[in-house]
Structures are given as C-alpha cells and as structure tokens.
C-alpha cells in the first residue's frame, strides 16, 4: 500500500523520497495513503530540520485542496479526496501551527492556491 511505501521510506530517513512517491502515486495512479501519513511526512521533515521538504509536501497538500475530479476518477476516490480537502488537520491553520511547533514559519503567502 501507499502507506507502507511512505512508512518504509520515512523509516529509512528518505523524507524526500516519501514526498516524491506520494505525489507520483497520486498523480499517476489516483491513490492516497491515510491522512496520518501526510502528517507523518511533515513531522519527520520538520523534526529532522528539513523545512523545505516539509514545504514541498505542503505544495502537494495544496494540490489536493484545488483538485477536481474527472470522468476517470471513481466515486470512492472522489470521496476520499474531498474528505482530505475538508480535513481540519490538513487545514492552513493546522499546518501553520505544526510548523510553528517545530520552530519554523509557514507564511500565508506560501499557502495561497
């Protein structure tokens, strides 16, 4: 599963690989891990002093915020992404709080869609 791939890369301290595979699998195969995997990527990046990798993942989250379905997306997948779009733990405010907790700033202009 995507979650296992992300977890394996994070356990190997390959944070940039985890960000890349998550985005690639979403773009190419329309699959997502649980939202907790997305939070885990951010936490690993920030706790390892890699704020730019965390911001790269925020760019992917922003991609989810503006995502719209096409005729090839199943209703199950559409519901999954819509749920992700409404998830308060992946909101702008929550992301800014998470960055601040680790001592980094995530500015409003970095969160514009």
N, C-alpha and C. Protein backbone atom coordinates (compact mmCIF):
# COMPACT_ATOMS: atom_id res chain seq x y z
N UNK A 1 0.83 -1.19 0.00
CA UNK A 1 0.00 0.00 0.00
C UNK A 1 0.88 1.25 0.00
N UNK A 2 0.25 2.37 -0.30
CA UNK A 2 0.97 3.64 -0.30
C UNK A 2 1.49 3.95 1.10
N UNK A 3 0.68 3.66 2.10
CA UNK A 3 1.09 3.91 3.48
C UNK A 3 2.36 3.13 3.81
N UNK A 4 2.44 1.88 3.40
CA UNK A 4 3.63 1.07 3.67
C UNK A 4 4.85 1.62 2.95
N UNK A 5 4.66 2.08 1.73
CA UNK A 5 5.78 2.68 0.99
C UNK A 5 6.29 3.95 1.68
N UNK A 6 5.36 4.80 2.07
CA UNK A 6 5.73 6.05 2.76
C UNK A 6 6.42 5.73 4.08
N UNK A 7 5.84 4.81 4.86
CA UNK A 7 6.44 4.45 6.15
C UNK A 7 7.85 3.88 5.97
N UNK A 8 8.02 3.02 4.98
CA UNK A 8 9.33 2.43 4.73
C UNK A 8 10.38 3.47 4.37
N UNK A 9 10.00 4.42 3.53
CA UNK A 9 10.93 5.49 3.16
C UNK A 9 11.25 6.38 4.35
N UNK A 10 10.24 6.68 5.15
CA UNK A 10 10.50 7.51 6.33
C UNK A 10 11.38 6.77 7.34
N UNK A 11 11.14 5.48 7.52
CA UNK A 11 11.98 4.70 8.43
C UNK A 11 13.43 4.64 7.96
N UNK A 12 13.63 4.74 6.66
CA UNK A 12 14.99 4.76 6.11
C UNK A 12 15.54 6.19 6.04
N UNK A 13 14.80 7.12 6.61
CA UNK A 13 15.16 8.55 6.64
C UNK A 13 15.24 9.16 5.24
N UNK A 14 14.47 8.61 4.32
CA UNK A 14 14.39 9.13 2.96
C UNK A 14 13.13 9.98 2.84
N UNK A 15 13.17 11.14 3.46
CA UNK A 15 11.99 12.00 3.52
C UNK A 15 11.64 12.53 2.14
N UNK A 16 12.63 12.95 1.39
CA UNK A 16 12.34 13.46 0.05
C UNK A 16 11.75 12.37 -0.84
N UNK A 17 12.19 11.13 -0.64
CA UNK A 17 11.62 10.01 -1.38
C UNK A 17 10.16 9.78 -1.03
N UNK A 18 9.82 9.94 0.26
CA UNK A 18 8.44 9.77 0.70
C UNK A 18 7.54 10.83 0.08
N UNK A 19 8.03 12.07 0.05
CA UNK A 19 7.25 13.15 -0.56
C UNK A 19 7.04 12.86 -2.04
N UNK A 20 8.10 12.46 -2.71
CA UNK A 20 8.04 12.21 -4.15
C UNK A 20 7.12 11.06 -4.49
N UNK A 21 7.23 9.94 -3.78
CA UNK A 21 6.42 8.77 -4.13
C UNK A 21 4.94 9.03 -3.87
N UNK A 22 4.64 9.76 -2.80
CA UNK A 22 3.25 10.07 -2.50
C UNK A 22 2.64 10.89 -3.63
N UNK A 23 3.36 11.92 -4.07
CA UNK A 23 2.85 12.77 -5.14
C UNK A 23 2.78 12.00 -6.47
N UNK A 24 3.79 11.22 -6.76
CA UNK A 24 3.79 10.44 -8.01
C UNK A 24 2.64 9.45 -8.06
N UNK A 25 2.41 8.74 -6.96
CA UNK A 25 1.33 7.75 -6.94
C UNK A 25 -0.04 8.40 -7.05
N UNK A 26 -0.17 9.57 -6.45
CA UNK A 26 -1.44 10.30 -6.58
C UNK A 26 -1.64 10.74 -8.04
N UNK A 27 -0.63 11.36 -8.61
CA UNK A 27 -0.75 11.89 -9.97
C UNK A 27 -0.89 10.81 -11.03
N UNK A 28 -0.20 9.68 -10.85
CA UNK A 28 -0.20 8.65 -11.89
C UNK A 28 -1.25 7.57 -11.69
N UNK A 29 -1.60 7.29 -10.41
CA UNK A 29 -2.49 6.15 -10.14
C UNK A 29 -3.70 6.49 -9.29
N UNK A 30 -3.86 7.76 -8.93
CA UNK A 30 -5.01 8.21 -8.14
C UNK A 30 -5.18 7.41 -6.85
N UNK A 31 -4.10 7.31 -6.09
CA UNK A 31 -4.17 6.64 -4.79
C UNK A 31 -3.55 7.55 -3.72
N UNK A 32 -4.06 7.42 -2.52
CA UNK A 32 -3.56 8.20 -1.39
C UNK A 32 -3.44 7.30 -0.16
N UNK A 33 -2.47 7.57 0.71
CA UNK A 33 -2.43 6.88 1.99
C UNK A 33 -3.38 7.58 2.95
N UNK A 34 -3.56 7.08 4.15
CA UNK A 34 -4.35 7.80 5.14
C UNK A 34 -3.73 9.18 5.39
N UNK A 35 -4.55 10.12 5.81
CA UNK A 35 -4.03 11.48 6.03
C UNK A 35 -2.93 11.49 7.09
N UNK A 36 -2.93 10.52 7.98
CA UNK A 36 -1.89 10.47 9.01
C UNK A 36 -0.50 10.28 8.41
N UNK A 37 -0.43 9.63 7.25
CA UNK A 37 0.87 9.50 6.57
C UNK A 37 1.36 10.86 6.10
N UNK A 38 0.43 11.70 5.69
CA UNK A 38 0.82 13.04 5.26
C UNK A 38 1.34 13.85 6.45
N UNK A 39 0.68 13.71 7.59
CA UNK A 39 1.17 14.40 8.79
C UNK A 39 2.53 13.85 9.21
N UNK A 40 2.70 12.55 9.08
CA UNK A 40 3.97 11.92 9.45
C UNK A 40 5.11 12.46 8.60
N UNK A 41 4.87 12.64 7.30
CA UNK A 41 5.90 13.21 6.43
C UNK A 41 6.30 14.59 6.93
N UNK A 42 5.31 15.42 7.23
CA UNK A 42 5.60 16.76 7.72
C UNK A 42 6.38 16.73 9.02
N UNK A 43 5.95 15.87 9.95
CA UNK A 43 6.62 15.78 11.25
C UNK A 43 8.05 15.28 11.10
N UNK A 44 8.27 14.28 10.26
CA UNK A 44 9.63 13.77 10.05
C UNK A 44 10.51 14.86 9.43
N UNK A 45 9.99 15.55 8.43
CA UNK A 45 10.78 16.60 7.77
C UNK A 45 11.12 17.71 8.76
N UNK A 46 10.14 18.18 9.50
CA UNK A 46 10.39 19.29 10.42
C UNK A 46 11.28 18.88 11.59
N UNK A 47 11.08 17.69 12.11
CA UNK A 47 11.90 17.25 13.25
C UNK A 47 13.34 16.94 12.84
N UNK A 48 13.57 16.74 11.55
CA UNK A 48 14.92 16.50 11.03
C UNK A 48 15.51 17.74 10.38
N UNK A 49 14.94 18.89 10.73
CA UNK A 49 15.43 20.19 10.24
C UNK A 49 15.44 20.26 8.72
N UNK A 50 14.37 19.78 8.11
CA UNK A 50 14.22 19.84 6.66
C UNK A 50 12.94 20.61 6.30
N UNK A 51 12.90 21.89 6.67
CA UNK A 51 11.65 22.65 6.44
C UNK A 51 11.30 22.78 4.97
N UNK A 52 12.30 22.75 4.08
CA UNK A 52 11.98 22.89 2.66
C UNK A 52 11.34 21.63 2.10
N UNK A 53 11.69 20.47 2.64
CA UNK A 53 11.00 19.23 2.25
C UNK A 53 9.57 19.27 2.78
N UNK A 54 9.39 19.79 3.99
CA UNK A 54 8.04 19.92 4.54
C UNK A 54 7.22 20.88 3.67
N UNK A 55 7.83 21.96 3.23
CA UNK A 55 7.11 22.91 2.37
C UNK A 55 6.83 22.31 1.00
N UNK A 56 7.70 21.44 0.54
CA UNK A 56 7.43 20.74 -0.72
C UNK A 56 6.20 19.85 -0.58
N UNK A 57 6.06 19.24 0.60
CA UNK A 57 4.88 18.42 0.84
C UNK A 57 3.64 19.29 0.99
N UNK A 58 3.79 20.47 1.56
CA UNK A 58 2.66 21.40 1.64
C UNK A 58 2.18 21.74 0.23
N UNK A 59 3.09 21.84 -0.72
CA UNK A 59 2.69 22.10 -2.11
C UNK A 59 1.79 20.97 -2.62
N UNK A 60 2.08 19.74 -2.23
CA UNK A 60 1.22 18.62 -2.61
C UNK A 60 -0.15 18.75 -1.93
N UNK A 61 -0.16 19.11 -0.67
CA UNK A 61 -1.43 19.28 0.04
C UNK A 61 -2.26 20.37 -0.64
N UNK A 62 -1.61 21.44 -1.06
CA UNK A 62 -2.30 22.49 -1.81
C UNK A 62 -2.88 21.95 -3.12
N UNK A 63 -2.16 21.02 -3.73
CA UNK A 63 -2.66 20.38 -4.95
C UNK A 63 -3.97 19.65 -4.63
N UNK A 64 -4.04 19.02 -3.47
CA UNK A 64 -5.28 18.34 -3.07
C UNK A 64 -6.41 19.33 -2.82
N UNK A 65 -6.07 20.48 -2.23
CA UNK A 65 -7.11 21.48 -1.95
C UNK A 65 -7.81 21.94 -3.23
N UNK A 66 -7.06 22.05 -4.33
CA UNK A 66 -7.66 22.56 -5.56
C UNK A 66 -8.05 21.46 -6.55
N UNK A 67 -7.90 20.22 -6.15
CA UNK A 67 -8.20 19.08 -7.02
C UNK A 67 -9.68 19.06 -7.39
N UNK A 68 -9.96 18.73 -8.64
CA UNK A 68 -11.32 18.49 -9.10
C UNK A 68 -11.33 17.17 -9.85
N UNK A 69 -12.40 16.41 -9.72
CA UNK A 69 -12.45 15.10 -10.36
C UNK A 69 -12.65 15.19 -11.87
N UNK A 70 -12.30 14.11 -12.53
CA UNK A 70 -12.63 13.97 -13.94
C UNK A 70 -13.41 12.67 -14.11
N UNK A 71 -13.78 12.35 -15.32
CA UNK A 71 -14.64 11.18 -15.55
C UNK A 71 -13.96 9.85 -15.25
N UNK A 72 -12.64 9.86 -15.09
CA UNK A 72 -11.91 8.63 -14.82
C UNK A 72 -11.75 8.32 -13.34
N UNK A 73 -12.09 9.27 -12.47
CA UNK A 73 -11.96 9.06 -11.03
C UNK A 73 -13.22 8.38 -10.48
N UNK A 74 -13.00 7.33 -9.73
CA UNK A 74 -14.13 6.61 -9.14
C UNK A 74 -14.79 7.47 -8.07
N UNK A 75 -16.04 7.17 -7.77
CA UNK A 75 -16.74 7.93 -6.73
C UNK A 75 -16.06 7.72 -5.37
N UNK A 76 -15.52 6.54 -5.15
CA UNK A 76 -14.80 6.26 -3.90
C UNK A 76 -13.57 7.17 -3.77
N UNK A 77 -12.82 7.29 -4.85
CA UNK A 77 -11.64 8.15 -4.83
C UNK A 77 -12.04 9.61 -4.67
N UNK A 78 -13.08 10.03 -5.36
CA UNK A 78 -13.55 11.41 -5.23
C UNK A 78 -13.92 11.72 -3.78
N UNK A 79 -14.60 10.79 -3.13
CA UNK A 79 -14.98 11.00 -1.72
C UNK A 79 -13.75 11.05 -0.82
N UNK A 80 -12.76 10.23 -1.13
CA UNK A 80 -11.53 10.22 -0.34
C UNK A 80 -10.82 11.57 -0.43
N UNK A 81 -10.69 12.10 -1.64
CA UNK A 81 -10.01 13.39 -1.81
C UNK A 81 -10.83 14.51 -1.20
N UNK A 82 -12.12 14.49 -1.37
CA UNK A 82 -12.97 15.53 -0.78
C UNK A 82 -12.86 15.51 0.75
N UNK A 83 -12.78 14.33 1.31
CA UNK A 83 -12.57 14.22 2.75
C UNK A 83 -11.25 14.82 3.17
N UNK A 84 -10.23 14.62 2.37
CA UNK A 84 -8.91 15.18 2.63
C UNK A 84 -8.95 16.70 2.53
N UNK A 85 -9.72 17.21 1.58
CA UNK A 85 -9.84 18.65 1.40
C UNK A 85 -10.50 19.31 2.61
N UNK A 86 -11.40 18.58 3.27
CA UNK A 86 -12.11 19.13 4.43
C UNK A 86 -11.45 18.79 5.77
N UNK A 87 -10.41 18.00 5.74
CA UNK A 87 -9.77 17.54 6.98
C UNK A 87 -9.12 18.72 7.71
N UNK A 88 -9.60 18.99 8.91
CA UNK A 88 -9.10 20.13 9.69
C UNK A 88 -7.63 19.98 10.06
N UNK A 89 -7.13 18.76 10.14
CA UNK A 89 -5.72 18.55 10.49
C UNK A 89 -4.78 18.86 9.32
N UNK A 90 -5.36 19.03 8.13
CA UNK A 90 -4.58 19.43 6.96
C UNK A 90 -4.98 20.83 6.49
N UNK A 91 -5.61 21.59 7.37
CA UNK A 91 -6.02 22.95 7.03
C UNK A 91 -4.84 23.91 7.10
N UNK A 92 -5.03 25.08 6.55
CA UNK A 92 -3.98 26.09 6.57
C UNK A 92 -3.54 26.40 8.00
N UNK A 93 -4.52 26.58 8.86
CA UNK A 93 -4.22 26.92 10.25
C UNK A 93 -3.47 25.80 10.95
N UNK A 94 -3.90 24.56 10.72
CA UNK A 94 -3.23 23.42 11.36
C UNK A 94 -1.80 23.27 10.86
N UNK A 95 -1.58 23.49 9.58
CA UNK A 95 -0.24 23.38 9.03
C UNK A 95 0.67 24.47 9.61
N UNK A 96 0.14 25.68 9.74
CA UNK A 96 0.94 26.76 10.32
C UNK A 96 1.29 26.46 11.78
N UNK A 97 0.36 25.89 12.52
CA UNK A 97 0.63 25.53 13.92
C UNK A 97 1.68 24.43 14.00
N UNK A 98 1.61 23.47 13.10
CA UNK A 98 2.59 22.38 13.09
C UNK A 98 3.99 22.92 12.80
N UNK A 99 4.11 23.77 11.82
CA UNK A 99 5.41 24.38 11.52
C UNK A 99 5.92 25.17 12.72
N UNK A 100 5.05 25.95 13.34
CA UNK A 100 5.44 26.78 14.49
C UNK A 100 5.89 25.91 15.65
N UNK A 101 5.24 24.77 15.85
CA UNK A 101 5.62 23.86 16.93
C UNK A 101 7.08 23.43 16.80
N UNK A 102 7.53 23.24 15.57
CA UNK A 102 8.91 22.82 15.31
C UNK A 102 9.86 24.01 15.11
N UNK A 103 9.33 25.23 15.30
CA UNK A 103 10.17 26.41 15.22
C UNK A 103 10.34 27.00 13.84
N UNK A 104 9.45 26.67 12.93
CA UNK A 104 9.52 27.18 11.57
C UNK A 104 8.27 27.99 11.26
N UNK A 105 8.38 28.83 10.25
CA UNK A 105 7.25 29.65 9.85
C UNK A 105 6.71 29.16 8.50
N UNK A 106 5.41 29.10 8.41
CA UNK A 106 4.72 28.82 7.15
C UNK A 106 3.81 30.00 6.92
N UNK A 107 4.24 30.88 6.04
CA UNK A 107 3.53 32.14 5.82
C UNK A 107 2.24 31.95 5.04
N UNK A 108 1.32 32.91 5.20
CA UNK A 108 0.06 32.87 4.46
C UNK A 108 0.29 32.82 2.95
N UNK A 109 1.27 33.59 2.47
CA UNK A 109 1.52 33.63 1.02
C UNK A 109 2.04 32.28 0.50
N UNK A 110 2.61 31.46 1.36
CA UNK A 110 3.08 30.13 0.96
C UNK A 110 1.91 29.14 0.88
N UNK A 111 0.77 29.55 1.42
CA UNK A 111 -0.39 28.68 1.43
C UNK A 111 -1.46 29.10 0.42
N UNK A 112 -1.17 30.11 -0.35
CA UNK A 112 -2.14 30.56 -1.36
C UNK A 112 -2.22 29.52 -2.47
N UNK A 113 -3.42 29.34 -2.94
CA UNK A 113 -3.66 28.35 -4.01
C UNK A 113 -3.59 29.05 -5.34
